[in-house]
Amino acid sequence: MKIEVLGAGCAKCQQLEEMVRAAVTAAGVAAEVEHVRDLRRIAGYGVLSTPALVVEGKVKCAGRLPSRKEIEGWVKG
């Protein structure tokens, strides 16, 4: 599973990355988590507001921090 955290590196973007890594560990799922800071790649997803979360190429949320339960649901598929 490929998970991308989109954001330039602000505190909320860092927090989302930490939440995602914790959710992946808790779910026991094998996943590659990447923090994408390149604005062109972020824009390529059509995201205008960060932080954003992309799971398997699909934008799951943008412009907000999702709850841990939301993240776990997306990670478990």
N, C-alpha and C. Protein backbone atom coordinates (compact mmCIF):
# COMPACT_ATOMS: atom_id res chain seq x y z
N MET A 1 0.85 -1.17 0.00
CA MET A 1 0.00 0.00 0.00
C MET A 1 0.90 1.23 0.00
N LYS A 2 0.53 2.21 -0.80
CA LYS A 2 1.29 3.46 -0.85
C LYS A 2 0.42 4.59 -0.27
N ILE A 3 0.98 5.28 0.70
CA ILE A 3 0.29 6.39 1.35
C ILE A 3 1.17 7.62 1.23
N GLU A 4 0.57 8.72 0.79
CA GLU A 4 1.32 9.97 0.65
C GLU A 4 0.68 11.06 1.51
N VAL A 5 1.51 11.71 2.30
CA VAL A 5 1.10 12.88 3.07
C VAL A 5 1.57 14.07 2.25
N LEU A 6 0.64 14.92 1.87
CA LEU A 6 0.98 16.08 1.05
C LEU A 6 1.04 17.33 1.91
N GLY A 7 2.16 18.05 1.82
CA GLY A 7 2.30 19.29 2.57
C GLY A 7 3.75 19.74 2.62
N ALA A 8 3.93 21.03 2.70
CA ALA A 8 5.26 21.62 2.64
C ALA A 8 6.10 21.35 3.89
N GLY A 9 5.49 20.91 4.95
CA GLY A 9 6.25 20.60 6.15
C GLY A 9 5.82 21.40 7.37
N CYS A 10 4.65 21.98 7.33
CA CYS A 10 4.15 22.75 8.47
C CYS A 10 3.83 21.79 9.63
N ALA A 11 3.51 22.33 10.77
CA ALA A 11 3.24 21.51 11.96
C ALA A 11 2.10 20.53 11.73
N LYS A 12 1.05 20.96 11.05
CA LYS A 12 -0.10 20.07 10.80
C LYS A 12 0.28 18.95 9.84
N CYS A 13 1.12 19.26 8.87
CA CYS A 13 1.57 18.23 7.93
C CYS A 13 2.41 17.19 8.66
N GLN A 14 3.28 17.63 9.55
CA GLN A 14 4.10 16.72 10.34
C GLN A 14 3.21 15.86 11.25
N GLN A 15 2.20 16.49 11.84
CA GLN A 15 1.28 15.78 12.72
C GLN A 15 0.52 14.70 11.94
N LEU A 16 0.09 15.02 10.73
CA LEU A 16 -0.62 14.05 9.91
C LEU A 16 0.28 12.87 9.59
N GLU A 17 1.53 13.13 9.26
CA GLU A 17 2.47 12.04 8.97
C GLU A 17 2.61 11.12 10.19
N GLU A 18 2.75 11.70 11.36
CA GLU A 18 2.87 10.91 12.59
C GLU A 18 1.61 10.08 12.83
N MET A 19 0.45 10.69 12.60
CA MET A 19 -0.82 9.98 12.79
C MET A 19 -0.94 8.81 11.82
N VAL A 20 -0.53 9.02 10.58
CA VAL A 20 -0.60 7.97 9.56
C VAL A 20 0.32 6.81 9.93
N ARG A 21 1.54 7.14 10.32
CA ARG A 21 2.49 6.08 10.69
C ARG A 21 1.97 5.27 11.89
N ALA A 22 1.36 5.96 12.86
CA ALA A 22 0.80 5.27 14.02
C ALA A 22 -0.37 4.37 13.61
N ALA A 23 -1.22 4.86 12.70
CA ALA A 23 -2.37 4.07 12.24
C ALA A 23 -1.93 2.84 11.46
N VAL A 24 -0.89 2.99 10.64
CA VAL A 24 -0.36 1.86 9.87
C VAL A 24 0.18 0.80 10.82
N THR A 25 0.92 1.24 11.82
CA THR A 25 1.48 0.31 12.80
C THR A 25 0.36 -0.39 13.58
N ALA A 26 -0.62 0.37 14.03
CA ALA A 26 -1.73 -0.20 14.80
C ALA A 26 -2.54 -1.20 13.97
N ALA A 27 -2.68 -0.92 12.69
CA ALA A 27 -3.47 -1.80 11.81
C ALA A 27 -2.67 -3.02 11.37
N GLY A 28 -1.35 -2.97 11.54
CA GLY A 28 -0.51 -4.08 11.12
C GLY A 28 -0.47 -4.24 9.62
N VAL A 29 -0.58 -3.12 8.91
CA VAL A 29 -0.62 -3.13 7.45
C VAL A 29 0.77 -2.79 6.91
N ALA A 30 1.16 -3.46 5.85
CA ALA A 30 2.41 -3.13 5.18
C ALA A 30 2.14 -1.93 4.26
N ALA A 31 2.80 -0.82 4.54
CA ALA A 31 2.57 0.38 3.74
C ALA A 31 3.83 1.21 3.63
N GLU A 32 3.97 1.85 2.49
CA GLU A 32 5.04 2.81 2.27
C GLU A 32 4.43 4.18 2.50
N VAL A 33 4.96 4.91 3.48
CA VAL A 33 4.46 6.25 3.78
C VAL A 33 5.49 7.26 3.30
N GLU A 34 5.06 8.16 2.44
CA GLU A 34 5.95 9.19 1.89
C GLU A 34 5.36 10.57 2.18
N HIS A 35 6.21 11.48 2.61
CA HIS A 35 5.80 12.87 2.83
C HIS A 35 6.20 13.65 1.58
N VAL A 36 5.23 14.08 0.81
CA VAL A 36 5.47 14.80 -0.44
C VAL A 36 5.45 16.30 -0.16
N ARG A 37 6.58 16.95 -0.42
CA ARG A 37 6.70 18.39 -0.18
C ARG A 37 6.77 19.20 -1.48
N ASP A 38 6.92 18.51 -2.61
CA ASP A 38 7.04 19.15 -3.91
C ASP A 38 5.68 19.71 -4.34
N LEU A 39 5.62 21.02 -4.49
CA LEU A 39 4.34 21.68 -4.81
C LEU A 39 3.76 21.22 -6.14
N ARG A 40 4.59 20.88 -7.09
CA ARG A 40 4.08 20.41 -8.39
C ARG A 40 3.39 19.05 -8.24
N ARG A 41 3.99 18.17 -7.46
CA ARG A 41 3.34 16.87 -7.22
C ARG A 41 2.05 17.04 -6.45
N ILE A 42 2.05 17.94 -5.47
CA ILE A 42 0.84 18.20 -4.70
C ILE A 42 -0.26 18.73 -5.62
N ALA A 43 0.09 19.70 -6.45
CA ALA A 43 -0.88 20.29 -7.38
C ALA A 43 -1.38 19.25 -8.38
N GLY A 44 -0.56 18.27 -8.70
CA GLY A 44 -0.94 17.21 -9.63
C GLY A 44 -2.12 16.39 -9.13
N TYR A 45 -2.32 16.38 -7.83
CA TYR A 45 -3.48 15.70 -7.25
C TYR A 45 -4.71 16.61 -7.19
N GLY A 46 -4.55 17.87 -7.60
CA GLY A 46 -5.66 18.80 -7.54
C GLY A 46 -5.89 19.36 -6.14
N VAL A 47 -4.92 19.18 -5.26
CA VAL A 47 -5.04 19.64 -3.88
C VAL A 47 -4.64 21.11 -3.80
N LEU A 48 -5.53 21.92 -3.23
CA LEU A 48 -5.26 23.34 -3.09
C LEU A 48 -4.94 23.72 -1.66
N SER A 49 -5.25 22.85 -0.72
CA SER A 49 -5.05 23.15 0.69
C SER A 49 -4.44 21.93 1.38
N THR A 50 -3.41 22.18 2.17
CA THR A 50 -2.76 21.08 2.88
C THR A 50 -2.98 21.24 4.37
N PRO A 51 -2.81 20.19 5.15
CA PRO A 51 -2.30 18.90 4.75
C PRO A 51 -3.35 18.10 3.98
N ALA A 52 -2.85 17.14 3.23
CA ALA A 52 -3.74 16.25 2.48
C ALA A 52 -3.20 14.83 2.59
N LEU A 53 -4.08 13.88 2.40
CA LEU A 53 -3.70 12.48 2.50
C LEU A 53 -4.16 11.74 1.25
N VAL A 54 -3.23 10.99 0.66
CA VAL A 54 -3.51 10.21 -0.54
C VAL A 54 -3.21 8.74 -0.22
N VAL A 55 -4.19 7.88 -0.45
CA VAL A 55 -4.02 6.45 -0.23
C VAL A 55 -4.25 5.75 -1.56
N GLU A 56 -3.22 5.02 -2.00
CA GLU A 56 -3.30 4.29 -3.27
C GLU A 56 -3.74 5.20 -4.42
N GLY A 57 -3.19 6.42 -4.45
CA GLY A 57 -3.45 7.34 -5.55
C GLY A 57 -4.74 8.13 -5.47
N LYS A 58 -5.52 7.93 -4.40
CA LYS A 58 -6.79 8.64 -4.25
C LYS A 58 -6.72 9.60 -3.07
N VAL A 59 -7.09 10.85 -3.32
CA VAL A 59 -7.11 11.86 -2.26
C VAL A 59 -8.24 11.53 -1.29
N LYS A 60 -7.90 11.31 -0.03
CA LYS A 60 -8.90 10.97 0.99
C LYS A 60 -9.35 12.19 1.77
N CYS A 61 -8.47 13.17 1.96
CA CYS A 61 -8.86 14.41 2.63
C CYS A 61 -7.84 15.48 2.28
N ALA A 62 -8.27 16.73 2.37
CA ALA A 62 -7.38 17.86 2.09
C ALA A 62 -7.82 19.06 2.93
N GLY A 63 -6.84 19.80 3.42
CA GLY A 63 -7.12 21.03 4.15
C GLY A 63 -7.52 20.84 5.60
N ARG A 64 -7.37 19.62 6.10
CA ARG A 64 -7.74 19.35 7.49
C ARG A 64 -7.00 18.13 8.00
N LEU A 65 -7.00 17.98 9.32
CA LEU A 65 -6.47 16.78 9.94
C LEU A 65 -7.63 15.81 10.16
N PRO A 66 -7.59 14.65 9.54
CA PRO A 66 -8.65 13.67 9.77
C PRO A 66 -8.49 13.05 11.16
N SER A 67 -9.52 12.40 11.62
CA SER A 67 -9.43 11.71 12.91
C SER A 67 -8.62 10.43 12.71
N ARG A 68 -8.12 9.92 13.81
CA ARG A 68 -7.37 8.66 13.73
C ARG A 68 -8.25 7.53 13.21
N LYS A 69 -9.52 7.54 13.60
CA LYS A 69 -10.44 6.49 13.12
C LYS A 69 -10.61 6.56 11.60
N GLU A 70 -10.70 7.78 11.07
CA GLU A 70 -10.80 7.94 9.61
C GLU A 70 -9.57 7.35 8.93
N ILE A 71 -8.40 7.71 9.46
CA ILE A 71 -7.15 7.22 8.87
C ILE A 71 -7.10 5.69 8.93
N GLU A 72 -7.44 5.13 10.07
CA GLU A 72 -7.43 3.68 10.22
C GLU A 72 -8.38 3.01 9.21
N GLY A 73 -9.54 3.62 9.00
CA GLY A 73 -10.48 3.08 8.02
C GLY A 73 -9.91 3.08 6.61
N TRP A 74 -9.24 4.15 6.24
CA TRP A 74 -8.64 4.24 4.91
C TRP A 74 -7.48 3.26 4.76
N VAL A 75 -6.72 3.10 5.82
CA VAL A 75 -5.55 2.21 5.77
C VAL A 75 -5.98 0.75 5.70
N LYS A 76 -7.03 0.41 6.41
CA LYS A 76 -7.51 -0.98 6.42
C LYS A 76 -8.23 -1.32 5.13
N GLY A 77 -8.69 -0.27 4.42
CA GLY A 77 -9.34 -0.47 3.14
C GLY A 77 -10.71 -0.97 3.26
